[in-house]
PDB file of N, CA and C in Angstrom:
ATOM      1  N   ILE A   1      44.985 -13.034  -7.677  1.00  0.00           N
ATOM      2  CA  ILE A   1      46.201 -12.596  -7.016  1.00  0.00           C
ATOM      3  C   ILE A   1      45.862 -11.386  -6.159  1.00  0.00           C
ATOM      4  N   SER A   2      46.374 -11.376  -4.961  1.00  0.00           N
ATOM      5  CA  SER A   2      46.105 -10.275  -4.047  1.00  0.00           C
ATOM      6  C   SER A   2      46.968  -9.066  -4.394  1.00  0.00           C
ATOM      7  N   SER A   3      46.712  -7.957  -3.709  1.00  0.00           N
ATOM      8  CA  SER A   3      47.477  -6.736  -3.957  1.00  0.00           C
ATOM      9  C   SER A   3      48.951  -6.902  -3.583  1.00  0.00           C
ATOM     10  N   LYS A   4      49.284  -7.916  -2.798  1.00  0.00           N
ATOM     11  CA  LYS A   4      50.669  -8.161  -2.408  1.00  0.00           C
ATOM     12  C   LYS A   4      51.343  -9.171  -3.334  1.00  0.00           C
ATOM     13  N   GLY A   5      50.659  -9.583  -4.408  1.00  0.00           N
ATOM     14  CA  GLY A   5      51.238 -10.516  -5.362  1.00  0.00           C
ATOM     15  C   GLY A   5      51.104 -11.967  -4.951  1.00  0.00           C
ATOM     16  N   CYS A   6      50.318 -12.267  -3.914  1.00  0.00           N
ATOM     17  CA  CYS A   6      50.119 -13.647  -3.466  1.00  0.00           C
ATOM     18  C   CYS A   6      48.805 -14.177  -4.003  1.00  0.00           C
ATOM     19  N   PHE A   7      48.758 -15.463  -4.225  1.00  0.00           N
ATOM     20  CA  PHE A   7      47.516 -16.077  -4.663  1.00  0.00           C
ATOM     21  C   PHE A   7      46.558 -16.206  -3.491  1.00  0.00           C
ATOM     22  N   ASP A   8      45.299 -15.986  -3.738  1.00  0.00           N
ATOM     23  CA  ASP A   8      44.255 -16.146  -2.735  1.00  0.00           C
ATOM     24  C   ASP A   8      43.989 -17.636  -2.591  1.00  0.00           C
ATOM     25  N   ALA A   9      44.105 -18.205  -1.407  1.00  0.00           N
ATOM     26  CA  ALA A   9      43.959 -19.642  -1.201  1.00  0.00           C
ATOM     27  C   ALA A   9      42.509 -20.084  -1.096  1.00  0.00           C
ATOM     28  N   ARG A  10      41.550 -19.146  -1.084  1.00  0.00           N
ATOM     29  CA  ARG A  10      40.152 -19.531  -0.981  1.00  0.00           C
ATOM     30  C   ARG A  10      39.697 -20.250  -2.246  1.00  0.00           C
ATOM     31  N   PRO A  11      38.799 -21.260  -2.134  1.00  0.00           N
ATOM     32  CA  PRO A  11      38.245 -21.890  -3.326  1.00  0.00           C
ATOM     33  C   PRO A  11      37.383 -20.885  -4.074  1.00  0.00           C
ATOM     34  N   PHE A  12      37.406 -20.942  -5.377  1.00  0.00           N
ATOM     35  CA  PHE A  12      36.623 -19.971  -6.126  1.00  0.00           C
ATOM     36  C   PHE A  12      36.304 -20.454  -7.522  1.00  0.00           C
ATOM     37  N   SER A  13      35.454 -19.712  -8.163  1.00  0.00           N
ATOM     38  CA  SER A  13      35.118 -19.907  -9.562  1.00  0.00           C
ATOM     39  C   SER A  13      35.566 -18.651 -10.298  1.00  0.00           C
ATOM     40  N   ARG A  14      36.524 -18.768 -11.181  1.00  0.00           N
ATOM     41  CA  ARG A  14      37.039 -17.600 -11.901  1.00  0.00           C
ATOM     42  C   ARG A  14      36.142 -17.334 -13.110  1.00  0.00           C
ATOM     43  N   GLN A  15      35.682 -16.117 -13.222  1.00  0.00           N
ATOM     44  CA  GLN A  15      34.771 -15.718 -14.278  1.00  0.00           C
ATOM     45  C   GLN A  15      35.460 -14.862 -15.335  1.00  0.00           C
ATOM     46  N   GLY A  16      36.716 -15.005 -15.606  1.00  0.00           N
ATOM     47  CA  GLY A  16      37.408 -14.288 -16.663  1.00  0.00           C
ATOM     48  C   GLY A  16      37.322 -12.774 -16.548  1.00  0.00           C
ATOM     49  N   GLY A  17      38.132 -12.075 -17.324  1.00  0.00           N
ATOM     50  CA  GLY A  17      38.094 -10.620 -17.336  1.00  0.00           C
ATOM     51  C   GLY A  17      38.479 -10.024 -15.996  1.00  0.00           C
ATOM     52  N   ALA A  18      37.816  -8.923 -15.644  1.00  0.00           N
ATOM     53  CA  ALA A  18      38.133  -8.204 -14.417  1.00  0.00           C
ATOM     54  C   ALA A  18      37.292  -8.652 -13.236  1.00  0.00           C
ATOM     55  N   ASN A  19      36.449  -9.653 -13.404  1.00  0.00           N
ATOM     56  CA  ASN A  19      35.607 -10.112 -12.299  1.00  0.00           C
ATOM     57  C   ASN A  19      36.465 -10.802 -11.247  1.00  0.00           C
ATOM     58  N   PRO A  20      36.285 -10.464  -9.973  1.00  0.00           N
ATOM     59  CA  PRO A  20      37.071 -11.112  -8.913  1.00  0.00           C
ATOM     60  C   PRO A  20      36.595 -12.549  -8.697  1.00  0.00           C
ATOM     61  N   PRO A  21      37.454 -13.405  -8.127  1.00  0.00           N
ATOM     62  CA  PRO A  21      37.049 -14.778  -7.824  1.00  0.00           C
ATOM     63  C   PRO A  21      35.894 -14.791  -6.832  1.00  0.00           C
ATOM     64  N   ARG A  22      35.021 -15.766  -6.981  1.00  0.00           N
ATOM     65  CA  ARG A  22      33.891 -15.933  -6.063  1.00  0.00           C
ATOM     66  C   ARG A  22      33.973 -17.288  -5.394  1.00  0.00           C
ATOM     67  N   ASP A  23      33.587 -17.342  -4.134  1.00  0.00           N
ATOM     68  CA  ASP A  23      33.560 -18.608  -3.395  1.00  0.00           C
ATOM     69  C   ASP A  23      32.493 -19.522  -3.973  1.00  0.00           C
ATOM     70  N   CYS A  24      32.744 -20.822  -3.909  1.00  0.00           N
ATOM     71  CA  CYS A  24      31.738 -21.798  -4.307  1.00  0.00           C
ATOM     72  C   CYS A  24      30.625 -21.798  -3.266  1.00  0.00           C
ATOM     73  N   ALA A  25      29.410 -21.978  -3.724  1.00  0.00           N
ATOM     74  CA  ALA A  25      28.257 -22.047  -2.822  1.00  0.00           C
ATOM     75  C   ALA A  25      28.227 -23.413  -2.143  1.00  0.00           C
ATOM     76  N   ALA A  26      27.535 -23.495  -1.023  1.00  0.00           N
ATOM     77  CA  ALA A  26      27.339 -24.780  -0.351  1.00  0.00           C
ATOM     78  C   ALA A  26      26.710 -25.746  -1.340  1.00  0.00           C
ATOM     79  N   GLY A  27      27.158 -26.992  -1.316  1.00  0.00           N
ATOM     80  CA  GLY A  27      26.670 -28.007  -2.256  1.00  0.00           C
ATOM     81  C   GLY A  27      27.545 -28.120  -3.490  1.00  0.00           C
ATOM     82  N   SER A  28      28.600 -27.292  -3.536  1.00  0.00           N
ATOM     83  CA  SER A  28      29.523 -27.350  -4.665  1.00  0.00           C
ATOM     84  C   SER A  28      30.950 -27.161  -4.159  1.00  0.00           C
ATOM     85  N   PHE A  29      31.923 -27.426  -5.046  1.00  0.00           N
ATOM     86  CA  PHE A  29      33.327 -27.313  -4.662  1.00  0.00           C
ATOM     87  C   PHE A  29      34.177 -26.994  -5.885  1.00  0.00           C
ATOM     88  N   SER A  30      35.397 -26.605  -5.634  1.00  0.00           N
ATOM     89  CA  SER A  30      36.374 -26.349  -6.690  1.00  0.00           C
ATOM     90  C   SER A  30      37.743 -26.694  -6.137  1.00  0.00           C
ATOM     91  N   ASN A  31      38.318 -27.808  -6.583  1.00  0.00           N
ATOM     92  CA  ASN A  31      39.636 -28.178  -6.072  1.00  0.00           C
ATOM     93  C   ASN A  31      40.722 -28.033  -7.140  1.00  0.00           C
ATOM     94  N   PHE A  32      40.409 -27.309  -8.218  1.00  0.00           N
ATOM     95  CA  PHE A  32      41.380 -26.996  -9.254  1.00  0.00           C
ATOM     96  C   PHE A  32      41.369 -25.499  -9.500  1.00  0.00           C
ATOM     97  N   SER A  33      42.465 -24.935  -9.884  1.00  0.00           N
ATOM     98  CA  SER A  33      42.494 -23.517 -10.224  1.00  0.00           C
ATOM     99  C   SER A  33      42.112 -23.339 -11.694  1.00  0.00           C
ATOM    100  N   GLY A  34      41.645 -22.159 -12.030  1.00  0.00           N
ATOM    101  CA  GLY A  34      41.315 -21.837 -13.405  1.00  0.00           C
ATOM    102  C   GLY A  34      39.946 -22.286 -13.869  1.00  0.00           C
ATOM    103  N   LEU A  35      39.090 -22.767 -12.975  1.00  0.00           N
ATOM    104  CA  LEU A  35      37.755 -23.204 -13.380  1.00  0.00           C
ATOM    105  C   LEU A  35      36.827 -22.007 -13.562  1.00  0.00           C
ATOM    106  N   SER A  36      35.877 -22.141 -14.466  1.00  0.00           N
ATOM    107  CA  SER A  36      34.912 -21.061 -14.679  1.00  0.00           C
ATOM    108  C   SER A  36      33.639 -21.278 -13.878  1.00  0.00           C
ATOM    109  N   GLN A  37      33.496 -22.440 -13.260  1.00  0.00           N
ATOM    110  CA  GLN A  37      32.343 -22.704 -12.398  1.00  0.00           C
ATOM    111  C   GLN A  37      32.698 -23.795 -11.406  1.00  0.00           C
ATOM    112  N   CYS A  38      31.930 -23.874 -10.344  1.00  0.00           N
ATOM    113  CA  CYS A  38      32.140 -24.891  -9.311  1.00  0.00           C
ATOM    114  C   CYS A  38      31.438 -26.177  -9.723  1.00  0.00           C
ATOM    115  N   GLU A  39      31.906 -27.288  -9.207  1.00  0.00           N
ATOM    116  CA  GLU A  39      31.321 -28.600  -9.499  1.00  0.00           C
ATOM    117  C   GLU A  39      30.328 -28.974  -8.410  1.00  0.00           C
ATOM    118  N   GLN A  40      29.301 -29.735  -8.776  1.00  0.00           N
ATOM    119  CA  GLN A  40      28.304 -30.180  -7.799  1.00  0.00           C
ATOM    120  C   GLN A  40      28.915 -31.269  -6.931  1.00  0.00           C
ATOM    121  N   CYS A  41      28.616 -31.225  -5.641  1.00  0.00           N
ATOM    122  CA  CYS A  41      29.140 -32.195  -4.688  1.00  0.00           C
ATOM    123  C   CYS A  41      28.651 -33.600  -5.069  1.00  0.00           C
ATOM    124  N   PRO A  42      29.548 -34.597  -5.093  1.00  0.00           N
ATOM    125  CA  PRO A  42      29.148 -35.947  -5.491  1.00  0.00           C
ATOM    126  C   PRO A  42      28.368 -36.695  -4.406  1.00  0.00           C
ATOM    127  N   VAL A  43      27.687 -37.740  -4.822  1.00  0.00           N
ATOM    128  CA  VAL A  43      26.946 -38.627  -3.912  1.00  0.00           C
ATOM    129  C   VAL A  43      27.920 -39.196  -2.882  1.00  0.00           C
ATOM    130  N   GLY A  44      27.502 -39.249  -1.618  1.00  0.00           N
ATOM    131  CA  GLY A  44      28.329 -39.790  -0.551  1.00  0.00           C
ATOM    132  C   GLY A  44      29.162 -38.742   0.159  1.00  0.00           C
ATOM    133  N   TYR A  45      29.063 -37.501  -0.293  1.00  0.00           N
ATOM    134  CA  TYR A  45      29.846 -36.405   0.267  1.00  0.00           C
ATOM    135  C   TYR A  45      28.944 -35.211   0.533  1.00  0.00           C
ATOM    136  N   PHE A  46      29.465 -34.252   1.276  1.00  0.00           N
ATOM    137  CA  PHE A  46      28.789 -32.971   1.447  1.00  0.00           C
ATOM    138  C   PHE A  46      29.820 -31.879   1.243  1.00  0.00           C
ATOM    139  N   CYS A  47      29.379 -30.751   0.737  1.00  0.00           N
ATOM    140  CA  CYS A  47      30.281 -29.637   0.415  1.00  0.00           C
ATOM    141  C   CYS A  47      29.725 -28.359   1.020  1.00  0.00           C
ATOM    142  N   MET A  48      30.511 -27.747   1.847  1.00  0.00           N
ATOM    143  CA  MET A  48      30.087 -26.500   2.464  1.00  0.00           C
ATOM    144  C   MET A  48      30.800 -25.325   1.795  1.00  0.00           C
ATOM    145  N   GLY A  49      30.983 -25.421   0.463  1.00  0.00           N
ATOM    146  CA  GLY A  49      31.676 -24.388  -0.273  1.00  0.00           C
ATOM    147  C   GLY A  49      33.174 -24.481  -0.088  1.00  0.00           C
ATOM    148  N   SER A  50      33.674 -25.685   0.131  1.00  0.00           N
ATOM    149  CA  SER A  50      35.087 -25.882   0.408  1.00  0.00           C
ATOM    150  C   SER A  50      35.852 -26.279  -0.857  1.00  0.00           C
ATOM    151  N   ALA A  51      37.147 -26.436  -0.700  1.00  0.00           N
ATOM    152  CA  ALA A  51      37.989 -26.834  -1.814  1.00  0.00           C
ATOM    153  C   ALA A  51      37.862 -28.322  -2.123  1.00  0.00           C
ATOM    154  N   ALA A  52      37.372 -29.101  -1.191  1.00  0.00           N
ATOM    155  CA  ALA A  52      37.249 -30.536  -1.406  1.00  0.00           C
ATOM    156  C   ALA A  52      35.994 -31.072  -0.728  1.00  0.00           C
ATOM    157  N   PRO A  53      35.306 -32.012  -1.378  1.00  0.00           N
ATOM    158  CA  PRO A  53      34.139 -32.641  -0.749  1.00  0.00           C
ATOM    159  C   PRO A  53      34.538 -33.399   0.514  1.00  0.00           C
ATOM    160  N   GLN A  54      33.670 -33.385   1.520  1.00  0.00           N
ATOM    161  CA  GLN A  54      33.895 -34.098   2.776  1.00  0.00           C
ATOM    162  C   GLN A  54      33.034 -35.359   2.776  1.00  0.00           C
ATOM    163  N   PRO A  55      33.615 -36.547   3.019  1.00  0.00           N
ATOM    164  CA  PRO A  55      32.803 -37.766   3.023  1.00  0.00           C
ATOM    165  C   PRO A  55      31.927 -37.852   4.271  1.00  0.00           C
ATOM    166  N   CYS A  56      30.824 -38.554   4.126  1.00  0.00           N
ATOM    167  CA  CYS A  56      30.010 -38.866   5.307  1.00  0.00           C
ATOM    168  C   CYS A  56      30.871 -39.689   6.260  1.00  0.00           C
ATOM    169  N   LEU A  57      30.605 -39.596   7.539  1.00  0.00           N
ATOM    170  CA  LEU A  57      31.381 -40.330   8.537  1.00  0.00           C
ATOM    171  C   LEU A  57      31.152 -41.832   8.411  1.00  0.00           C
ATOM    172  N   PRO A  58      32.109 -42.654   8.854  1.00  0.00           N
ATOM    173  CA  PRO A  58      31.901 -44.103   8.859  1.00  0.00           C
ATOM    174  C   PRO A  58      30.614 -44.449   9.610  1.00  0.00           C
ATOM    175  N   GLY A  59      29.867 -45.391   9.068  1.00  0.00           N
ATOM    176  CA  GLY A  59      28.588 -45.781   9.656  1.00  0.00           C
ATOM    177  C   GLY A  59      27.425 -44.979   9.099  1.00  0.00           C
ATOM    178  N   THR A  60      27.714 -44.030   8.191  1.00  0.00           N
ATOM    179  CA  THR A  60      26.671 -43.223   7.567  1.00  0.00           C
ATOM    180  C   THR A  60      26.902 -43.169   6.059  1.00  0.00           C
ATOM    181  N   TYR A  61      25.866 -42.755   5.327  1.00  0.00           N
ATOM    182  CA  TYR A  61      25.960 -42.608   3.883  1.00  0.00           C
ATOM    183  C   TYR A  61      24.962 -41.560   3.421  1.00  0.00           C
ATOM    184  N   SER A  62      25.097 -41.164   2.176  1.00  0.00           N
ATOM    185  CA  SER A  62      24.171 -40.211   1.582  1.00  0.00           C
ATOM    186  C   SER A  62      24.015 -40.518   0.101  1.00  0.00           C
ATOM    187  N   LEU A  63      22.807 -40.459  -0.386  1.00  0.00           N
ATOM    188  CA  LEU A  63      22.528 -40.654  -1.809  1.00  0.00           C
ATOM    189  C   LEU A  63      22.264 -39.320  -2.499  1.00  0.00           C
ATOM    190  N   ALA A  64      22.402 -38.224  -1.744  1.00  0.00           N
ATOM    191  CA  ALA A  64      22.104 -36.899  -2.281  1.00  0.00           C
ATOM    192  C   ALA A  64      23.303 -36.332  -3.036  1.00  0.00           C
ATOM    193  N   GLN A  65      23.068 -35.867  -4.251  1.00  0.00           N
ATOM    194  CA  GLN A  65      24.088 -35.140  -4.994  1.00  0.00           C
ATOM    195  C   GLN A  65      23.903 -33.657  -4.700  1.00  0.00           C
ATOM    196  N   GLY A  66      24.989 -32.927  -4.505  1.00  0.00           N
ATOM    197  CA  GLY A  66      24.887 -31.511  -4.181  1.00  0.00           C
ATOM    198  C   GLY A  66      24.567 -31.252  -2.722  1.00  0.00           C
ATOM    199  N   ALA A  67      24.872 -32.219  -1.842  1.00  0.00           N
ATOM    200  CA  ALA A  67      24.590 -32.074  -0.410  1.00  0.00           C
ATOM    201  C   ALA A  67      25.372 -30.902   0.171  1.00  0.00           C
ATOM    202  N   ARG A  68      24.705 -30.106   1.005  1.00  0.00           N
ATOM    203  CA  ARG A  68      25.301 -28.889   1.566  1.00  0.00           C
ATOM    204  C   ARG A  68      25.836 -29.058   2.977  1.00  0.00           C
ATOM    205  N   SER A  69      25.462 -30.144   3.652  1.00  0.00           N
ATOM    206  CA  SER A  69      25.943 -30.362   5.014  1.00  0.00           C
ATOM    207  C   SER A  69      25.892 -31.843   5.338  1.00  0.00           C
ATOM    208  N   ASN A  70      26.467 -32.223   6.489  1.00  0.00           N
ATOM    209  CA  ASN A  70      26.446 -33.629   6.890  1.00  0.00           C
ATOM    210  C   ASN A  70      25.065 -34.065   7.373  1.00  0.00           C
ATOM    211  N   ALA A  71      24.093 -33.155   7.399  1.00  0.00           N
ATOM    212  CA  ALA A  71      22.723 -33.520   7.779  1.00  0.00           C
ATOM    213  C   ALA A  71      22.104 -34.473   6.758  1.00  0.00           C
ATOM    214  N   THR A  72      22.655 -34.551   5.554  1.00  0.00           N
ATOM    215  CA  THR A  72      22.140 -35.474   4.539  1.00  0.00           C
ATOM    216  C   THR A  72      22.681 -36.887   4.742  1.00  0.00           C
ATOM    217  N   CYS A  73      23.702 -37.039   5.578  1.00  0.00           N
ATOM    218  CA  CYS A  73      24.270 -38.360   5.864  1.00  0.00           C
ATOM    219  C   CYS A  73      23.388 -39.055   6.905  1.00  0.00           C
ATOM    220  N   VAL A  74      22.972 -40.258   6.592  1.00  0.00           N
ATOM    221  CA  VAL A  74      22.087 -41.016   7.491  1.00  0.00           C
ATOM    222  C   VAL A  74      22.757 -42.321   7.906  1.00  0.00           C
ATOM    223  N   ALA A  75      22.311 -42.885   8.998  1.00  0.00           N
ATOM    224  CA  ALA A  75      22.873 -44.132   9.509  1.00  0.00           C
ATOM    225  C   ALA A  75      22.637 -45.281   8.536  1.00  0.00           C
ATOM    226  N   CYS A  76      23.611 -46.161   8.446  1.00  0.00           N
ATOM    227  CA  CYS A  76      23.464 -47.344   7.603  1.00  0.00           C
ATOM    228  C   CYS A  76      22.345 -48.226   8.144  1.00  0.00           C
ATOM    229  N   PRO A  77      21.619 -48.886   7.256  1.00  0.00           N
ATOM    230  CA  PRO A  77      20.512 -49.729   7.711  1.00  0.00           C
ATOM    231  C   PRO A  77      21.005 -50.972   8.454  1.00  0.00           C
ATOM    232  N   ARG A  78      20.130 -51.523   9.251  1.00  0.00           N
ATOM    233  CA  ARG A  78      20.430 -52.744   9.991  1.00  0.00           C
ATOM    234  C   ARG A  78      20.811 -53.848   9.004  1.00  0.00           C
ATOM    235  N   GLY A  79      21.854 -54.603   9.325  1.00  0.00           N
ATOM    236  CA  GLY A  79      22.308 -55.693   8.485  1.00  0.00           C
ATOM    237  C   GLY A  79      23.327 -55.258   7.429  1.00  0.00           C
ATOM    238  N   ALA A  80      23.711 -53.978   7.436  1.00  0.00           N
ATOM    239  CA  ALA A  80      24.688 -53.471   6.477  1.00  0.00           C
ATOM    240  C   ALA A  80      25.715 -52.617   7.207  1.00  0.00           C
ATOM    241  N   TYR A  81      26.789 -52.321   6.552  1.00  0.00           N
ATOM    242  CA  TYR A  81      27.757 -51.388   7.134  1.00  0.00           C
ATOM    243  C   TYR A  81      28.207 -50.416   6.045  1.00  0.00           C
ATOM    244  N   CYS A  82      28.654 -49.256   6.485  1.00  0.00           N
ATOM    245  CA  CYS A  82      29.123 -48.224   5.564  1.00  0.00           C
ATOM    246  C   CYS A  82      30.463 -47.716   6.076  1.00  0.00           C
ATOM    247  N   VAL A  83      31.416 -47.590   5.182  1.00  0.00           N
ATOM    248  CA  VAL A  83      32.731 -47.076   5.572  1.00  0.00           C
ATOM    249  C   VAL A  83      32.750 -45.562   5.506  1.00  0.00           C
ATOM    250  N   GLY A  84      31.652 -44.977   5.132  1.00  0.00           N
ATOM    251  CA  GLY A  84      31.543 -43.522   4.994  1.00  0.00           C
ATOM    252  C   GLY A  84      31.387 -43.155   3.539  1.00  0.00           C
ATOM    253  N   GLY A  85      30.392 -42.381   3.239  1.00  0.00           N
ATOM    254  CA  GLY A  85      30.133 -41.990   1.852  1.00  0.00           C
ATOM    255  C   GLY A  85      28.922 -42.711   1.308  1.00  0.00           C
ATOM    256  N   SER A  86      29.148 -43.593   0.336  1.00  0.00           N
ATOM    257  CA  SER A  86      28.055 -44.311  -0.329  1.00  0.00           C
ATOM    258  C   SER A  86      27.840 -45.669   0.313  1.00  0.00           C
ATOM    259  N   PRO A  87      26.611 -46.206   0.215  1.00  0.00           N
ATOM    260  CA  PRO A  87      26.344 -47.535   0.797  1.00  0.00           C
ATOM    261  C   PRO A  87      27.047 -48.633   0.029  1.00  0.00           C
TER     262      PRO A  87
END
């Protein structure tokens, strides 16, 4: 809670006690309040420390868990298609 009594909308990992909330690192996310740690970004997505994982664009996929950017998303192989995310 901020000094004005408003909740901070930034994603964070709450560490109990007097420790202030911390942003999730790239490759992880937190889309629930009250968590003590951030979750690792799932396969087919990338997380830039946001509140929600971002899927790979249509026509691309990623098999990397904990991906930090869309650079891990690669084009679908010839003879296949991807709707975005996992193959």
